[in-house]
N, C-alpha and C. Protein backbone atom coordinates (compact mmCIF):
# COMPACT_ATOMS: atom_id res chain seq x y z
N MET A 1 -4.21 -65.83 -35.77
CA MET A 1 -4.22 -64.45 -35.43
C MET A 1 -5.36 -63.76 -36.44
N GLN A 2 -5.48 -62.77 -35.94
CA GLN A 2 -6.53 -61.98 -36.77
C GLN A 2 -6.40 -60.25 -36.78
N TRP A 3 -6.53 -59.70 -37.81
CA TRP A 3 -6.32 -58.12 -38.15
C TRP A 3 -7.57 -57.60 -37.45
N LYS A 4 -7.22 -56.62 -36.39
CA LYS A 4 -8.48 -55.62 -35.99
C LYS A 4 -8.15 -54.39 -36.85
N TYR A 5 -9.23 -53.86 -37.56
CA TYR A 5 -9.20 -52.87 -38.46
C TYR A 5 -9.36 -51.45 -37.95
N ILE A 6 -8.41 -50.65 -38.45
CA ILE A 6 -8.51 -49.16 -37.83
C ILE A 6 -9.45 -48.36 -38.87
N THR A 7 -10.45 -47.91 -38.43
CA THR A 7 -11.39 -47.09 -39.35
C THR A 7 -11.53 -45.98 -38.81
N ASP A 8 -11.39 -45.78 -37.46
CA ASP A 8 -11.95 -44.43 -36.58
C ASP A 8 -10.56 -43.73 -36.24
N VAL A 9 -10.36 -42.68 -36.20
CA VAL A 9 -9.08 -41.94 -35.39
C VAL A 9 -9.18 -42.21 -34.13
N ASN A 10 -10.28 -42.40 -33.34
CA ASN A 10 -10.33 -42.47 -31.90
C ASN A 10 -9.77 -43.83 -31.37
N GLN A 11 -9.59 -44.76 -32.22
CA GLN A 11 -9.12 -46.07 -31.95
C GLN A 11 -7.42 -45.81 -31.72
N ILE A 12 -6.79 -44.79 -32.23
CA ILE A 12 -5.27 -44.60 -31.89
C ILE A 12 -5.40 -44.46 -30.59
N ASP A 13 -6.19 -43.58 -29.82
CA ASP A 13 -6.13 -43.03 -28.42
C ASP A 13 -6.27 -44.52 -27.61
N GLU A 14 -7.01 -45.49 -28.05
CA GLU A 14 -7.58 -46.66 -27.30
C GLU A 14 -6.19 -47.40 -27.51
N ILE A 15 -5.60 -47.45 -28.64
CA ILE A 15 -4.18 -48.23 -28.64
C ILE A 15 -3.17 -47.58 -27.89
N LYS A 16 -2.99 -46.39 -27.84
CA LYS A 16 -2.07 -46.17 -26.93
C LYS A 16 -2.40 -46.17 -25.24
N ASN A 17 -3.51 -46.12 -24.98
CA ASN A 17 -4.00 -46.49 -23.64
C ASN A 17 -4.26 -48.05 -23.15
N GLN A 18 -4.00 -48.57 -24.28
CA GLN A 18 -4.04 -50.19 -24.13
C GLN A 18 -2.79 -50.68 -23.42
N PRO A 19 -2.96 -51.57 -22.13
CA PRO A 19 -1.82 -51.81 -21.71
C PRO A 19 -1.19 -53.07 -22.48
N GLY A 20 0.07 -53.35 -22.34
CA GLY A 20 0.59 -54.55 -23.14
C GLY A 20 1.15 -54.11 -24.40
N TYR A 21 1.22 -55.02 -25.42
CA TYR A 21 1.79 -54.83 -26.54
C TYR A 21 0.59 -54.98 -27.69
N SER A 22 0.61 -54.19 -28.52
CA SER A 22 -0.08 -53.73 -29.62
C SER A 22 0.79 -53.45 -30.96
N LEU A 23 0.26 -54.16 -31.98
CA LEU A 23 1.07 -53.73 -33.39
C LEU A 23 0.23 -53.15 -34.45
N ILE A 24 0.75 -52.09 -34.99
CA ILE A 24 -0.11 -51.68 -36.27
C ILE A 24 0.56 -51.62 -37.32
N PHE A 25 0.13 -51.99 -38.25
CA PHE A 25 0.42 -52.38 -39.65
C PHE A 25 -0.33 -51.42 -40.54
N LYS A 26 0.85 -50.55 -41.20
CA LYS A 26 0.35 -49.69 -41.99
C LYS A 26 0.35 -50.14 -43.35
N HIS A 27 -0.72 -50.24 -44.21
CA HIS A 27 -0.47 -50.80 -45.70
C HIS A 27 -1.28 -49.90 -46.73
N SER A 28 -0.37 -49.62 -47.62
CA SER A 28 -0.82 -49.11 -49.04
C SER A 28 -1.44 -50.31 -49.78
N THR A 29 -2.73 -50.18 -50.14
CA THR A 29 -3.53 -51.23 -51.04
C THR A 29 -2.92 -50.99 -52.35
N ARG A 30 -2.34 -49.91 -52.92
CA ARG A 30 -1.97 -49.63 -54.17
C ARG A 30 -0.26 -50.15 -54.41
N CYS A 31 0.29 -50.56 -53.55
CA CYS A 31 1.62 -50.74 -53.54
C CYS A 31 2.16 -52.36 -53.45
N SER A 32 2.93 -52.52 -54.32
CA SER A 32 3.34 -54.46 -54.56
C SER A 32 4.16 -54.52 -53.53
N VAL A 33 5.23 -53.52 -52.82
CA VAL A 33 5.74 -53.64 -51.94
C VAL A 33 5.15 -53.66 -50.57
N SER A 34 4.26 -53.07 -50.66
CA SER A 34 3.51 -53.05 -49.37
C SER A 34 2.70 -54.41 -49.45
N MET A 35 2.28 -54.89 -50.46
CA MET A 35 1.43 -56.33 -50.50
C MET A 35 2.30 -57.57 -50.03
N MET A 36 3.65 -57.47 -50.60
CA MET A 36 4.54 -58.41 -50.28
C MET A 36 4.65 -58.64 -48.76
N ALA A 37 5.05 -57.52 -48.28
CA ALA A 37 5.43 -57.07 -46.96
C ALA A 37 4.54 -57.80 -46.11
N LYS A 38 3.24 -57.38 -46.39
CA LYS A 38 2.04 -57.96 -45.46
C LYS A 38 1.89 -59.38 -45.62
N ARG A 39 2.18 -60.00 -46.83
CA ARG A 39 1.95 -61.45 -47.12
C ARG A 39 2.94 -62.12 -46.30
N ARG A 40 4.11 -61.83 -46.16
CA ARG A 40 5.28 -62.31 -45.51
C ARG A 40 5.22 -62.08 -44.07
N PHE A 41 4.75 -61.19 -43.65
CA PHE A 41 4.47 -60.86 -42.23
C PHE A 41 3.24 -61.83 -41.66
N GLU A 42 2.27 -61.90 -42.61
CA GLU A 42 1.16 -62.90 -42.05
C GLU A 42 1.49 -64.54 -42.07
N MET A 43 2.47 -64.81 -43.02
CA MET A 43 2.89 -66.01 -43.10
C MET A 43 3.86 -66.48 -41.74
N ASP A 44 4.35 -65.38 -41.13
CA ASP A 44 5.24 -65.65 -40.22
C ASP A 44 4.69 -65.19 -38.62
N TRP A 45 3.42 -64.79 -38.82
CA TRP A 45 3.09 -64.19 -37.52
C TRP A 45 2.58 -65.01 -36.29
N GLU A 46 2.73 -66.35 -36.61
CA GLU A 46 2.35 -67.54 -35.32
C GLU A 46 3.44 -67.21 -34.28
N VAL A 47 4.51 -66.78 -34.60
CA VAL A 47 5.74 -66.49 -33.82
C VAL A 47 5.52 -65.32 -32.50
N ILE A 48 4.52 -64.56 -33.21
CA ILE A 48 4.34 -63.43 -31.93
C ILE A 48 3.01 -63.85 -30.88
N PRO A 49 3.38 -63.78 -29.70
CA PRO A 49 2.58 -64.22 -28.77
C PRO A 49 1.09 -63.71 -29.08
N GLU A 50 0.42 -64.60 -28.73
CA GLU A 50 -1.37 -64.70 -28.89
C GLU A 50 -1.85 -63.30 -28.57
N ASP A 51 -1.55 -63.13 -27.23
CA ASP A 51 -2.21 -61.95 -26.76
C ASP A 51 -1.71 -60.57 -27.20
N THR A 52 -1.06 -60.45 -28.25
CA THR A 52 -0.49 -59.39 -28.96
C THR A 52 -1.75 -58.59 -29.53
N SER A 53 -2.39 -57.53 -29.76
CA SER A 53 -3.46 -56.92 -30.62
C SER A 53 -2.64 -56.40 -31.69
N LEU A 54 -3.01 -57.16 -33.05
CA LEU A 54 -2.87 -56.87 -34.42
C LEU A 54 -3.75 -55.78 -35.13
N TYR A 55 -3.24 -54.42 -35.11
CA TYR A 55 -4.34 -53.62 -36.13
C TYR A 55 -3.81 -53.60 -37.44
N PHE A 56 -4.76 -53.21 -38.22
CA PHE A 56 -4.36 -53.02 -39.68
C PHE A 56 -4.87 -51.67 -39.86
N LEU A 57 -4.08 -50.87 -41.07
CA LEU A 57 -4.57 -49.78 -41.25
C LEU A 57 -4.59 -49.61 -42.71
N ASP A 58 -5.51 -49.31 -43.44
CA ASP A 58 -5.47 -49.16 -44.63
C ASP A 58 -5.25 -47.66 -45.15
N LEU A 59 -4.06 -47.29 -45.55
CA LEU A 59 -3.50 -45.94 -45.80
C LEU A 59 -4.52 -45.27 -46.82
N ILE A 60 -4.72 -45.96 -47.81
CA ILE A 60 -5.35 -45.11 -48.86
C ILE A 60 -6.72 -44.69 -48.31
N SER A 61 -7.46 -45.52 -47.76
CA SER A 61 -8.84 -45.00 -47.09
C SER A 61 -8.73 -44.12 -45.97
N HIS A 62 -7.48 -44.18 -45.29
CA HIS A 62 -7.57 -43.42 -44.03
C HIS A 62 -6.44 -42.46 -43.81
N ARG A 63 -6.31 -41.87 -44.71
CA ARG A 63 -4.81 -41.11 -44.80
C ARG A 63 -4.78 -40.11 -43.45
N ASN A 64 -5.91 -39.79 -43.04
CA ASN A 64 -6.11 -38.86 -41.76
C ASN A 64 -5.76 -39.75 -40.55
N ILE A 65 -6.13 -40.86 -40.39
CA ILE A 65 -5.51 -41.75 -39.25
C ILE A 65 -4.40 -41.98 -39.36
N SER A 66 -3.51 -42.11 -40.56
CA SER A 66 -2.19 -42.29 -40.71
C SER A 66 -1.46 -41.24 -39.99
N ALA A 67 -1.84 -40.10 -40.33
CA ALA A 67 -1.10 -38.97 -40.07
C ALA A 67 -1.26 -38.89 -38.61
N GLU A 68 -2.44 -39.09 -37.68
CA GLU A 68 -2.28 -39.19 -36.40
C GLU A 68 -1.71 -40.40 -35.68
N VAL A 69 -1.48 -41.37 -36.36
CA VAL A 69 -0.37 -42.61 -35.93
C VAL A 69 1.04 -41.88 -35.68
N ALA A 70 1.39 -40.97 -36.85
CA ALA A 70 2.71 -40.66 -36.65
C ALA A 70 2.75 -39.43 -35.71
N GLU A 71 1.97 -38.95 -35.72
CA GLU A 71 1.81 -37.89 -34.44
C GLU A 71 1.96 -38.38 -33.13
N LYS A 72 0.81 -39.25 -32.87
CA LYS A 72 0.86 -39.90 -31.33
C LYS A 72 1.89 -40.47 -31.06
N PHE A 73 2.49 -41.41 -31.96
CA PHE A 73 3.61 -42.13 -31.33
C PHE A 73 4.96 -41.88 -32.23
N GLN A 74 4.90 -40.53 -32.50
CA GLN A 74 6.11 -39.72 -33.04
C GLN A 74 7.02 -40.55 -33.85
N VAL A 75 6.78 -40.71 -34.96
CA VAL A 75 7.31 -41.81 -35.86
C VAL A 75 7.25 -41.18 -37.26
N HIS A 76 8.28 -41.29 -38.34
CA HIS A 76 8.10 -40.87 -39.39
C HIS A 76 6.92 -41.57 -40.22
N HIS A 77 6.19 -41.15 -41.08
CA HIS A 77 5.25 -41.81 -41.93
C HIS A 77 6.24 -42.61 -43.01
N GLU A 78 5.85 -43.92 -43.02
CA GLU A 78 6.20 -44.76 -44.22
C GLU A 78 5.16 -45.71 -44.61
N SER A 79 5.61 -46.44 -45.54
CA SER A 79 4.35 -47.47 -45.87
C SER A 79 5.02 -48.44 -47.00
N PRO A 80 5.08 -49.54 -46.83
CA PRO A 80 4.46 -50.29 -45.56
C PRO A 80 5.04 -49.94 -44.08
N GLN A 81 4.66 -50.19 -43.17
CA GLN A 81 5.30 -50.27 -41.78
C GLN A 81 4.68 -50.65 -40.73
N ILE A 82 5.22 -51.16 -39.77
CA ILE A 82 4.94 -51.60 -38.43
C ILE A 82 5.44 -50.99 -37.37
N LEU A 83 4.52 -50.74 -36.42
CA LEU A 83 4.56 -50.00 -35.18
C LEU A 83 4.51 -51.01 -34.09
N LEU A 84 5.40 -51.43 -33.22
CA LEU A 84 4.98 -52.21 -31.91
C LEU A 84 4.91 -51.13 -30.70
N ILE A 85 3.71 -51.11 -30.36
CA ILE A 85 3.39 -50.19 -29.36
C ILE A 85 3.28 -51.27 -27.79
N LYS A 86 3.97 -50.55 -26.97
CA LYS A 86 4.01 -51.11 -25.54
C LYS A 86 3.41 -49.79 -24.51
N ASP A 87 2.79 -50.36 -23.85
CA ASP A 87 2.06 -49.25 -23.04
C ASP A 87 2.01 -47.98 -23.18
N GLY A 88 1.64 -47.54 -24.70
CA GLY A 88 1.50 -46.30 -25.06
C GLY A 88 2.84 -45.84 -25.88
N ASN A 89 3.95 -46.46 -25.89
CA ASN A 89 4.91 -45.89 -26.63
C ASN A 89 5.32 -46.86 -27.66
N CYS A 90 5.90 -46.41 -28.75
CA CYS A 90 6.33 -47.22 -29.73
C CYS A 90 7.61 -47.68 -29.61
N VAL A 91 8.02 -48.79 -29.34
CA VAL A 91 9.21 -49.58 -29.11
C VAL A 91 9.98 -50.27 -30.41
N LEU A 92 9.14 -50.30 -31.41
CA LEU A 92 9.86 -50.80 -32.64
C LEU A 92 8.97 -50.18 -33.89
N ASP A 93 9.84 -49.79 -34.70
CA ASP A 93 9.17 -48.94 -36.05
C ASP A 93 10.12 -49.60 -37.06
N ALA A 94 9.53 -50.25 -38.31
CA ALA A 94 10.23 -50.86 -39.25
C ALA A 94 9.44 -50.54 -40.38
N SER A 95 10.16 -50.57 -41.55
CA SER A 95 9.18 -50.36 -42.90
C SER A 95 9.93 -51.12 -43.90
N HIS A 96 9.26 -51.39 -44.95
CA HIS A 96 9.58 -52.19 -46.38
C HIS A 96 10.09 -53.44 -45.86
N GLY A 97 11.39 -53.67 -46.32
CA GLY A 97 12.07 -54.91 -46.13
C GLY A 97 12.26 -55.26 -44.79
N ASP A 98 12.47 -54.25 -43.78
CA ASP A 98 12.86 -54.45 -42.56
C ASP A 98 11.78 -55.13 -41.54
N ILE A 99 10.47 -55.09 -42.25
CA ILE A 99 9.22 -55.51 -41.58
C ILE A 99 9.48 -57.09 -41.05
N SER A 100 9.39 -57.80 -40.03
CA SER A 100 9.71 -59.05 -39.53
C SER A 100 8.90 -59.20 -38.22
N ALA A 101 7.97 -60.50 -38.52
CA ALA A 101 7.48 -61.03 -37.40
C ALA A 101 8.35 -61.63 -36.41
N ASP A 102 9.62 -62.14 -36.80
CA ASP A 102 10.58 -62.58 -35.92
C ASP A 102 11.11 -61.23 -34.96
N GLU A 103 11.17 -60.37 -35.75
CA GLU A 103 11.88 -59.32 -34.92
C GLU A 103 10.73 -58.85 -33.74
N VAL A 104 9.37 -58.61 -34.24
CA VAL A 104 8.34 -58.28 -33.02
C VAL A 104 8.55 -59.27 -31.84
N ALA A 105 8.49 -60.51 -32.36
CA ALA A 105 8.46 -61.43 -31.18
C ALA A 105 9.80 -61.17 -30.45
N GLU A 106 11.02 -61.21 -31.16
CA GLU A 106 12.19 -60.91 -30.23
C GLU A 106 12.06 -59.83 -29.19
N VAL A 107 11.51 -58.58 -29.61
CA VAL A 107 11.22 -57.34 -28.84
C VAL A 107 10.29 -57.53 -27.71
N ILE A 108 9.26 -58.54 -27.81
CA ILE A 108 8.12 -58.91 -26.88
C ILE A 108 8.83 -59.89 -25.99
N SER A 109 9.64 -60.69 -26.40
CA SER A 109 10.25 -61.49 -25.27
C SER A 109 11.19 -61.15 -24.85
N ASN A 110 12.03 -60.06 -24.86
CA ASN A 110 13.05 -59.46 -23.89
C ASN A 110 12.72 -58.32 -23.10
């Protein structure tokens, strides 16, 4: 699997309008907790179906996009944070130690 980097605010509408499942990983490059959560997620992400689009958002470089994500998907901003999007709606929101590739895979399989 591979990250698709979010670098433009217009990508949020593209993700919202995309059919099926997409995942956004919001990451702070200055935070050791975020770095560990990302590493742990990537070590386990093979359990997530391959047709799931995985998006990566660097919060430090793109604060405006992070704010747009929170608004569009009606979630409270946290970092690190994952949002699982299905057909334009956030169906799973987890942060810090609750970030789990296994939980993402479980939600997708149900």
